[in-house]
C-alpha atoms as a PDB file:
ATOM      1  CA  UNK A   1       6.058  18.178  -7.033  1.00  0.00           C
ATOM      2  CA  UNK A   2       9.855  18.377  -7.181  1.00  0.00           C
ATOM      3  CA  UNK A   3      11.855  17.390 -10.289  1.00  0.00           C
ATOM      4  CA  UNK A   4      13.069  14.189  -8.581  1.00  0.00           C
ATOM      5  CA  UNK A   5       9.539  13.204  -7.642  1.00  0.00           C
ATOM      6  CA  UNK A   6       8.345  13.902 -11.179  1.00  0.00           C
ATOM      7  CA  UNK A   7      10.973  11.518 -12.527  1.00  0.00           C
ATOM      8  CA  UNK A   8       9.937   8.782 -10.132  1.00  0.00           C
ATOM      9  CA  UNK A   9       6.252   9.507 -10.750  1.00  0.00           C
ATOM     10  CA  UNK A  10       6.908   8.869 -14.448  1.00  0.00           C
ATOM     11  CA  UNK A  11       8.527   5.559 -13.535  1.00  0.00           C
ATOM     12  CA  UNK A  12       5.502   4.693 -11.440  1.00  0.00           C
ATOM     13  CA  UNK A  13       3.189   5.509 -14.346  1.00  0.00           C
ATOM     14  CA  UNK A  14       5.127   3.165 -16.630  1.00  0.00           C
ATOM     15  CA  UNK A  15       5.002   0.423 -14.010  1.00  0.00           C
ATOM     16  CA  UNK A  16       1.241   0.919 -13.699  1.00  0.00           C
ATOM     17  CA  UNK A  17       0.830  -0.199 -17.337  1.00  0.00           C
ATOM     18  CA  UNK A  18       1.531  -3.690 -16.086  1.00  0.00           C
ATOM     19  CA  UNK A  19      -0.927  -3.217 -13.223  1.00  0.00           C
ATOM     20  CA  UNK A  20      -0.463  -3.236  -9.433  1.00  0.00           C
ATOM     21  CA  UNK A  21      -0.255  -6.458  -7.505  1.00  0.00           C
ATOM     22  CA  UNK A  22      -3.729  -7.991  -7.561  1.00  0.00           C
ATOM     23  CA  UNK A  23      -5.480 -10.324  -5.180  1.00  0.00           C
ATOM     24  CA  UNK A  24      -6.106 -12.714  -8.067  1.00  0.00           C
ATOM     25  CA  UNK A  25      -2.354 -13.172  -8.547  1.00  0.00           C
ATOM     26  CA  UNK A  26      -2.165 -15.617  -5.649  1.00  0.00           C
ATOM     27  CA  UNK A  27      -4.441 -18.545  -4.759  1.00  0.00           C
ATOM     28  CA  UNK A  28      -6.890 -17.807  -1.964  1.00  0.00           C
ATOM     29  CA  UNK A  29      -5.523 -18.590   1.475  1.00  0.00           C
ATOM     30  CA  UNK A  30      -1.876 -18.633   0.414  1.00  0.00           C
ATOM     31  CA  UNK A  31       0.690 -16.819   2.530  1.00  0.00           C
ATOM     32  CA  UNK A  32       2.398 -14.205   0.319  1.00  0.00           C
ATOM     33  CA  UNK A  33       6.029 -14.909  -0.477  1.00  0.00           C
ATOM     34  CA  UNK A  34       8.646 -12.749   1.186  1.00  0.00           C
ATOM     35  CA  UNK A  35       9.527  -9.454  -0.452  1.00  0.00           C
ATOM     36  CA  UNK A  36      13.054  -8.990  -1.838  1.00  0.00           C
ATOM     37  CA  UNK A  37      15.184  -8.000   1.146  1.00  0.00           C
ATOM     38  CA  UNK A  38      18.002  -5.546   1.732  1.00  0.00           C
ATOM     39  CA  UNK A  39      21.182  -6.406   3.637  1.00  0.00           C
ATOM     40  CA  UNK A  40      19.432  -5.600   6.939  1.00  0.00           C
ATOM     41  CA  UNK A  41      16.613  -8.033   6.131  1.00  0.00           C
ATOM     42  CA  UNK A  42      13.991  -5.357   5.466  1.00  0.00           C
ATOM     43  CA  UNK A  43      11.889  -5.340   2.287  1.00  0.00           C
ATOM     44  CA  UNK A  44      13.512  -3.456  -0.571  1.00  0.00           C
ATOM     45  CA  UNK A  45      11.672  -0.244  -1.433  1.00  0.00           C
ATOM     46  CA  UNK A  46      10.535  -0.174  -5.081  1.00  0.00           C
ATOM     47  CA  UNK A  47      12.363   2.575  -6.970  1.00  0.00           C
ATOM     48  CA  UNK A  48       9.108   4.314  -7.897  1.00  0.00           C
ATOM     49  CA  UNK A  49       8.209   4.678  -4.200  1.00  0.00           C
ATOM     50  CA  UNK A  50      11.639   5.752  -2.965  1.00  0.00           C
ATOM     51  CA  UNK A  51      10.934   9.518  -3.159  1.00  0.00           C
ATOM     52  CA  UNK A  52       8.083   9.051  -0.688  1.00  0.00           C
ATOM     53  CA  UNK A  53      10.089   7.066   1.862  1.00  0.00           C
ATOM     54  CA  UNK A  54      11.481   9.140   4.736  1.00  0.00           C
ATOM     55  CA  UNK A  55      14.784   8.025   6.360  1.00  0.00           C
ATOM     56  CA  UNK A  56      14.445   6.178   9.640  1.00  0.00           C
ATOM     57  CA  UNK A  57      17.023   8.412  11.327  1.00  0.00           C
ATOM     58  CA  UNK A  58      14.427  11.162  11.547  1.00  0.00           C
ATOM     59  CA  UNK A  59      11.695   8.908  12.995  1.00  0.00           C
ATOM     60  CA  UNK A  60      11.275   8.643  16.804  1.00  0.00           C
ATOM     61  CA  UNK A  61      12.065   5.120  18.088  1.00  0.00           C
ATOM     62  CA  UNK A  62       8.471   4.469  19.180  1.00  0.00           C
ATOM     63  CA  UNK A  63       7.245   5.123  15.624  1.00  0.00           C
ATOM     64  CA  UNK A  64       9.754   2.860  13.852  1.00  0.00           C
ATOM     65  CA  UNK A  65       8.636  -0.347  12.177  1.00  0.00           C
ATOM     66  CA  UNK A  66       9.987  -3.680  10.979  1.00  0.00           C
ATOM     67  CA  UNK A  67       9.584  -2.603   7.355  1.00  0.00           C
ATOM     68  CA  UNK A  68      11.152   0.809   7.877  1.00  0.00           C
ATOM     69  CA  UNK A  69       8.726   2.590   5.516  1.00  0.00           C
ATOM     70  CA  UNK A  70       7.720   6.080   6.661  1.00  0.00           C
ATOM     71  CA  UNK A  71       5.687   8.959   5.257  1.00  0.00           C
ATOM     72  CA  UNK A  72       4.681  12.407   6.414  1.00  0.00           C
ATOM     73  CA  UNK A  73       1.010  13.272   6.042  1.00  0.00           C
ATOM     74  CA  UNK A  74       1.840  15.329   2.938  1.00  0.00           C
ATOM     75  CA  UNK A  75       3.768  12.365   1.462  1.00  0.00           C
ATOM     76  CA  UNK A  76       0.758  10.111   2.076  1.00  0.00           C
ATOM     77  CA  UNK A  77      -1.568  12.610   0.404  1.00  0.00           C
ATOM     78  CA  UNK A  78       0.716  12.811  -2.644  1.00  0.00           C
ATOM     79  CA  UNK A  79       1.112   9.035  -2.894  1.00  0.00           C
ATOM     80  CA  UNK A  80      -2.638   8.390  -2.736  1.00  0.00           C
ATOM     81  CA  UNK A  81      -3.415  11.150  -5.231  1.00  0.00           C
ATOM     82  CA  UNK A  82      -0.695   9.830  -7.581  1.00  0.00           C
ATOM     83  CA  UNK A  83      -2.348   6.417  -8.014  1.00  0.00           C
ATOM     84  CA  UNK A  84      -5.324   5.792  -5.700  1.00  0.00           C
ATOM     85  CA  UNK A  85      -6.170   2.457  -7.314  1.00  0.00           C
ATOM     86  CA  UNK A  86      -2.780   0.993  -6.340  1.00  0.00           C
ATOM     87  CA  UNK A  87      -2.812   1.997  -2.648  1.00  0.00           C
ATOM     88  CA  UNK A  88      -4.886   0.874   0.344  1.00  0.00           C
ATOM     89  CA  UNK A  89      -5.187   3.751   2.838  1.00  0.00           C
ATOM     90  CA  UNK A  90      -6.431   2.694   6.291  1.00  0.00           C
ATOM     91  CA  UNK A  91      -7.309   4.706   9.415  1.00  0.00           C
ATOM     92  CA  UNK A  92      -6.520   2.466  12.415  1.00  0.00           C
ATOM     93  CA  UNK A  93      -7.971   4.648  15.192  1.00  0.00           C
ATOM     94  CA  UNK A  94     -11.026   3.840  17.308  1.00  0.00           C
ATOM     95  CA  UNK A  95     -14.600   4.564  16.293  1.00  0.00           C
ATOM     96  CA  UNK A  96     -14.803   7.292  18.931  1.00  0.00           C
ATOM     97  CA  UNK A  97     -11.811   9.141  17.496  1.00  0.00           C
ATOM     98  CA  UNK A  98     -13.323   9.171  14.027  1.00  0.00           C
ATOM     99  CA  UNK A  99     -16.748  10.186  15.306  1.00  0.00           C
ATOM    100  CA  UNK A 100     -15.617  13.097  17.475  1.00  0.00           C
ATOM    101  CA  UNK A 101     -12.346  14.205  15.809  1.00  0.00           C
ATOM    102  CA  UNK A 102     -12.768  13.382  12.106  1.00  0.00           C
ATOM    103  CA  UNK A 103     -10.750  11.454   9.532  1.00  0.00           C
ATOM    104  CA  UNK A 104      -8.816  11.995   6.288  1.00  0.00           C
ATOM    105  CA  UNK A 105     -11.224  12.271   3.376  1.00  0.00           C
ATOM    106  CA  UNK A 106      -9.014  10.056   1.190  1.00  0.00           C
ATOM    107  CA  UNK A 107      -8.906   6.919   3.375  1.00  0.00           C
ATOM    108  CA  UNK A 108     -10.357   3.768   1.862  1.00  0.00           C
ATOM    109  CA  UNK A 109     -11.670   2.453   5.163  1.00  0.00           C
ATOM    110  CA  UNK A 110     -11.507   2.375   8.928  1.00  0.00           C
ATOM    111  CA  UNK A 111     -10.021  -0.793  10.454  1.00  0.00           C
ATOM    112  CA  UNK A 112      -9.185  -0.234  14.152  1.00  0.00           C
ATOM    113  CA  UNK A 113      -5.992  -1.729  15.516  1.00  0.00           C
ATOM    114  CA  UNK A 114      -7.281  -1.413  19.092  1.00  0.00           C
ATOM    115  CA  UNK A 115     -10.876  -1.933  20.241  1.00  0.00           C
ATOM    116  CA  UNK A 116     -12.695  -1.614  23.569  1.00  0.00           C
ATOM    117  CA  UNK A 117     -12.638  -4.751  25.676  1.00  0.00           C
ATOM    118  CA  UNK A 118     -15.756  -6.892  25.974  1.00  0.00           C
ATOM    119  CA  UNK A 119     -17.008  -6.779  28.662  1.00  0.00           C
ATOM    120  CA  UNK A 120     -15.810  -3.206  29.288  1.00  0.00           C
ATOM    121  CA  UNK A 121     -12.755  -2.781  31.520  1.00  0.00           C
ATOM    122  CA  UNK A 122     -11.130   0.295  33.046  1.00  0.00           C
ATOM    123  CA  UNK A 123      -7.542   1.432  32.451  1.00  0.00           C
ATOM    124  CA  UNK A 124      -6.689   3.217  35.707  1.00  0.00           C
ATOM    125  CA  UNK A 125      -3.307   4.468  34.491  1.00  0.00           C
ATOM    126  CA  UNK A 126      -4.813   6.171  31.434  1.00  0.00           C
ATOM    127  CA  UNK A 127      -8.094   7.023  33.184  1.00  0.00           C
ATOM    128  CA  UNK A 128     -10.177   5.663  30.329  1.00  0.00           C
ATOM    129  CA  UNK A 129     -11.757   2.476  29.031  1.00  0.00           C
ATOM    130  CA  UNK A 130      -9.187  -0.257  28.407  1.00  0.00           C
ATOM    131  CA  UNK A 131      -8.393  -1.232  24.836  1.00  0.00           C
ATOM    132  CA  UNK A 132      -7.219  -4.532  23.371  1.00  0.00           C
ATOM    133  CA  UNK A 133      -5.700  -5.532  20.035  1.00  0.00           C
ATOM    134  CA  UNK A 134      -8.309  -6.201  17.384  1.00  0.00           C
ATOM    135  CA  UNK A 135      -7.950  -9.918  16.479  1.00  0.00           C
ATOM    136  CA  UNK A 136      -9.597  -9.173  13.119  1.00  0.00           C
ATOM    137  CA  UNK A 137      -7.170  -6.388  12.159  1.00  0.00           C
ATOM    138  CA  UNK A 138      -5.091  -8.198   9.505  1.00  0.00           C
ATOM    139  CA  UNK A 139      -8.175  -9.873   8.023  1.00  0.00           C
ATOM    140  CA  UNK A 140     -10.004  -6.535   8.048  1.00  0.00           C
ATOM    141  CA  UNK A 141      -7.237  -4.826   6.068  1.00  0.00           C
ATOM    142  CA  UNK A 142      -7.196  -7.772   3.648  1.00  0.00           C
ATOM    143  CA  UNK A 143     -10.925  -7.349   3.005  1.00  0.00           C
ATOM    144  CA  UNK A 144     -10.480  -3.664   2.178  1.00  0.00           C
ATOM    145  CA  UNK A 145      -7.549  -4.379  -0.141  1.00  0.00           C
ATOM    146  CA  UNK A 146      -9.458  -7.197  -1.859  1.00  0.00           C
ATOM    147  CA  UNK A 147     -12.354  -4.829  -2.595  1.00  0.00           C
ATOM    148  CA  UNK A 148      -9.854  -2.747  -4.576  1.00  0.00           C
ATOM    149  CA  UNK A 149      -8.457  -5.847  -6.269  1.00  0.00           C
ATOM    150  CA  UNK A 150      -5.166  -5.579  -4.371  1.00  0.00           C
ATOM    151  CA  UNK A 151      -3.070  -8.273  -2.673  1.00  0.00           C
ATOM    152  CA  UNK A 152      -0.651  -8.165   0.303  1.00  0.00           C
ATOM    153  CA  UNK A 153       2.148  -7.273  -2.115  1.00  0.00           C
ATOM    154  CA  UNK A 154       0.545  -3.893  -2.905  1.00  0.00           C
ATOM    155  CA  UNK A 155       1.171  -0.676  -0.966  1.00  0.00           C
ATOM    156  CA  UNK A 156      -0.677  -0.050   2.314  1.00  0.00           C
ATOM    157  CA  UNK A 157      -0.663   3.245   4.232  1.00  0.00           C
ATOM    158  CA  UNK A 158      -1.707   3.342   7.898  1.00  0.00           C
ATOM    159  CA  UNK A 159      -2.622   6.470   9.837  1.00  0.00           C
ATOM    160  CA  UNK A 160      -3.473   6.919  13.520  1.00  0.00           C
ATOM    161  CA  UNK A 161      -3.393   9.852  15.932  1.00  0.00           C
ATOM    162  CA  UNK A 162       0.354  10.563  15.738  1.00  0.00           C
ATOM    163  CA  UNK A 163       2.125   7.494  14.331  1.00  0.00           C
ATOM    164  CA  UNK A 164       2.759   5.213  17.318  1.00  0.00           C
ATOM    165  CA  UNK A 165      -0.296   2.975  17.023  1.00  0.00           C
ATOM    166  CA  UNK A 166       0.030   2.807  13.237  1.00  0.00           C
ATOM    167  CA  UNK A 167       3.632   1.623  13.676  1.00  0.00           C
ATOM    168  CA  UNK A 168       2.539  -1.323  15.803  1.00  0.00           C
ATOM    169  CA  UNK A 169      -0.268  -2.097  13.354  1.00  0.00           C
ATOM    170  CA  UNK A 170       2.243  -1.996  10.493  1.00  0.00           C
ATOM    171  CA  UNK A 171       4.455  -4.524  12.285  1.00  0.00           C
ATOM    172  CA  UNK A 172       1.497  -6.887  12.598  1.00  0.00           C
ATOM    173  CA  UNK A 173       0.807  -6.674   8.865  1.00  0.00           C
ATOM    174  CA  UNK A 174       4.497  -7.121   8.035  1.00  0.00           C
ATOM    175  CA  UNK A 175       4.704 -10.254  10.192  1.00  0.00           C
ATOM    176  CA  UNK A 176       1.653 -11.565   8.335  1.00  0.00           C
ATOM    177  CA  UNK A 177       3.483 -11.197   5.016  1.00  0.00           C
ATOM    178  CA  UNK A 178       2.393  -7.782   3.772  1.00  0.00           C
ATOM    179  CA  UNK A 179       5.216  -6.329   1.707  1.00  0.00           C
ATOM    180  CA  UNK A 180       4.966  -2.535   1.626  1.00  0.00           C
ATOM    181  CA  UNK A 181       3.299  -1.129   4.750  1.00  0.00           C
ATOM    182  CA  UNK A 182       3.881   2.579   5.283  1.00  0.00           C
ATOM    183  CA  UNK A 183       3.231   4.582   8.457  1.00  0.00           C
ATOM    184  CA  UNK A 184       2.175   8.237   8.493  1.00  0.00           C
ATOM    185  CA  UNK A 185       4.630   9.343  11.186  1.00  0.00           C
ATOM    186  CA  UNK A 186       2.828  12.571  12.140  1.00  0.00           C
ATOM    187  CA  UNK A 187      -0.622  10.971  12.064  1.00  0.00           C
ATOM    188  CA  UNK A 188      -3.959  12.717  11.758  1.00  0.00           C
ATOM    189  CA  UNK A 189      -3.693  15.034  14.773  1.00  0.00           C
ATOM    190  CA  UNK A 190       0.080  15.495  14.982  1.00  0.00           C
ATOM    191  CA  UNK A 191       2.274  15.663  18.075  1.00  0.00           C
ATOM    192  CA  UNK A 192       1.707  17.873  21.146  1.00  0.00           C
ATOM    193  CA  UNK A 193       3.613  21.122  21.428  1.00  0.00           C
ATOM    194  CA  UNK A 194       6.469  20.620  23.934  1.00  0.00           C
ATOM    195  CA  UNK A 195       6.325  24.118  25.428  1.00  0.00           C
ATOM    196  CA  UNK A 196       4.751  27.558  25.164  1.00  0.00           C
ATOM    197  CA  UNK A 197       1.270  28.784  26.100  1.00  0.00           C
ATOM    198  CA  UNK A 198      -0.394  25.977  24.107  1.00  0.00           C
ATOM    199  CA  UNK A 199       1.874  23.254  25.477  1.00  0.00           C
ATOM    200  CA  UNK A 200       0.335  19.788  25.132  1.00  0.00           C
ATOM    201  CA  UNK A 201      -2.025  20.700  22.294  1.00  0.00           C
ATOM    202  CA  UNK A 202      -1.653  18.626  19.151  1.00  0.00           C
ATOM    203  CA  UNK A 203      -0.666  21.430  16.811  1.00  0.00           C
ATOM    204  CA  UNK A 204       2.685  20.143  15.516  1.00  0.00           C
ATOM    205  CA  UNK A 205       2.509  18.498  12.089  1.00  0.00           C
ATOM    206  CA  UNK A 206      -0.249  15.997  11.299  1.00  0.00           C
ATOM    207  CA  UNK A 207      -2.779  15.619   8.473  1.00  0.00           C
ATOM    208  CA  UNK A 208      -5.302  18.075   9.878  1.00  0.00           C
ATOM    209  CA  UNK A 209      -2.731  20.741  10.809  1.00  0.00           C
ATOM    210  CA  UNK A 210      -1.273  20.513   7.280  1.00  0.00           C
ATOM    211  CA  UNK A 211      -4.613  21.594   5.835  1.00  0.00           C
ATOM    212  CA  UNK A 212      -5.107  18.332   3.954  1.00  0.00           C
ATOM    213  CA  UNK A 213      -8.693  17.243   3.194  1.00  0.00           C
ATOM    214  CA  UNK A 214     -10.515  15.775   6.180  1.00  0.00           C
ATOM    215  CA  UNK A 215     -14.086  15.403   7.308  1.00  0.00           C
ATOM    216  CA  UNK A 216     -16.304  14.824  10.330  1.00  0.00           C
ATOM    217  CA  UNK A 217     -19.027  13.401   8.091  1.00  0.00           C
ATOM    218  CA  UNK A 218     -18.418   9.658   8.177  1.00  0.00           C
ATOM    219  CA  UNK A 219     -19.320   7.388   5.266  1.00  0.00           C
ATOM    220  CA  UNK A 220     -21.034   4.171   6.277  1.00  0.00           C
ATOM    221  CA  UNK A 221     -19.293   2.221   3.509  1.00  0.00           C
ATOM    222  CA  UNK A 222     -15.887   3.021   5.053  1.00  0.00           C
ATOM    223  CA  UNK A 223     -16.751   2.102   8.635  1.00  0.00           C
ATOM    224  CA  UNK A 224     -15.451  -1.086  10.228  1.00  0.00           C
ATOM    225  CA  UNK A 225     -17.898  -3.793  11.254  1.00  0.00           C
ATOM    226  CA  UNK A 226     -20.825  -2.667   9.103  1.00  0.00           C
ATOM    227  CA  UNK A 227     -20.227  -4.961   6.121  1.00  0.00           C
END
């Protein structure tokens, strides 16, 4: 960890003496109050988290969010390891992706942002089964956070395949009043190589390509819909 990050980590440790935002801090069913805003209307990033927040200028437009909070996979790993009790780490991909591709070992739970339509429908353009937004997504994330004793004012990290889906999921949480929703911009698999003999393969960046801990052995307690 760099000197700057060590300084901010120390600040985070001091802040932790007073405890992270807890679900018990607000009456059940209340909409969380708005986070302190910057001049552009976005939530202000707590000083202790600033070293982890990547500038938006380096984020592709389709991965940008309302909150403007971005992490690389390595940043996400460091943030979770720094204080796992204060962070809710969610994988928003489909069940099939987790089952056949794997998932980060450190995630708290799987809560899909998109789910297969019922009854099944076909997406001709993508040549696959059509997906729809999960109407239970925000509530599902809230249940995971509550199990850790955390409220919508605590930090949430979302990861998907390569950052686009997680960005849209983050916007939904932000609109619902969640204060500090981060997106892993390179996702679990990373982006496809733009050229060369392995063009199109997802070998550029990403959690798995960075050698961070991941697994194909799924834990029932982390799976969505099995409560």
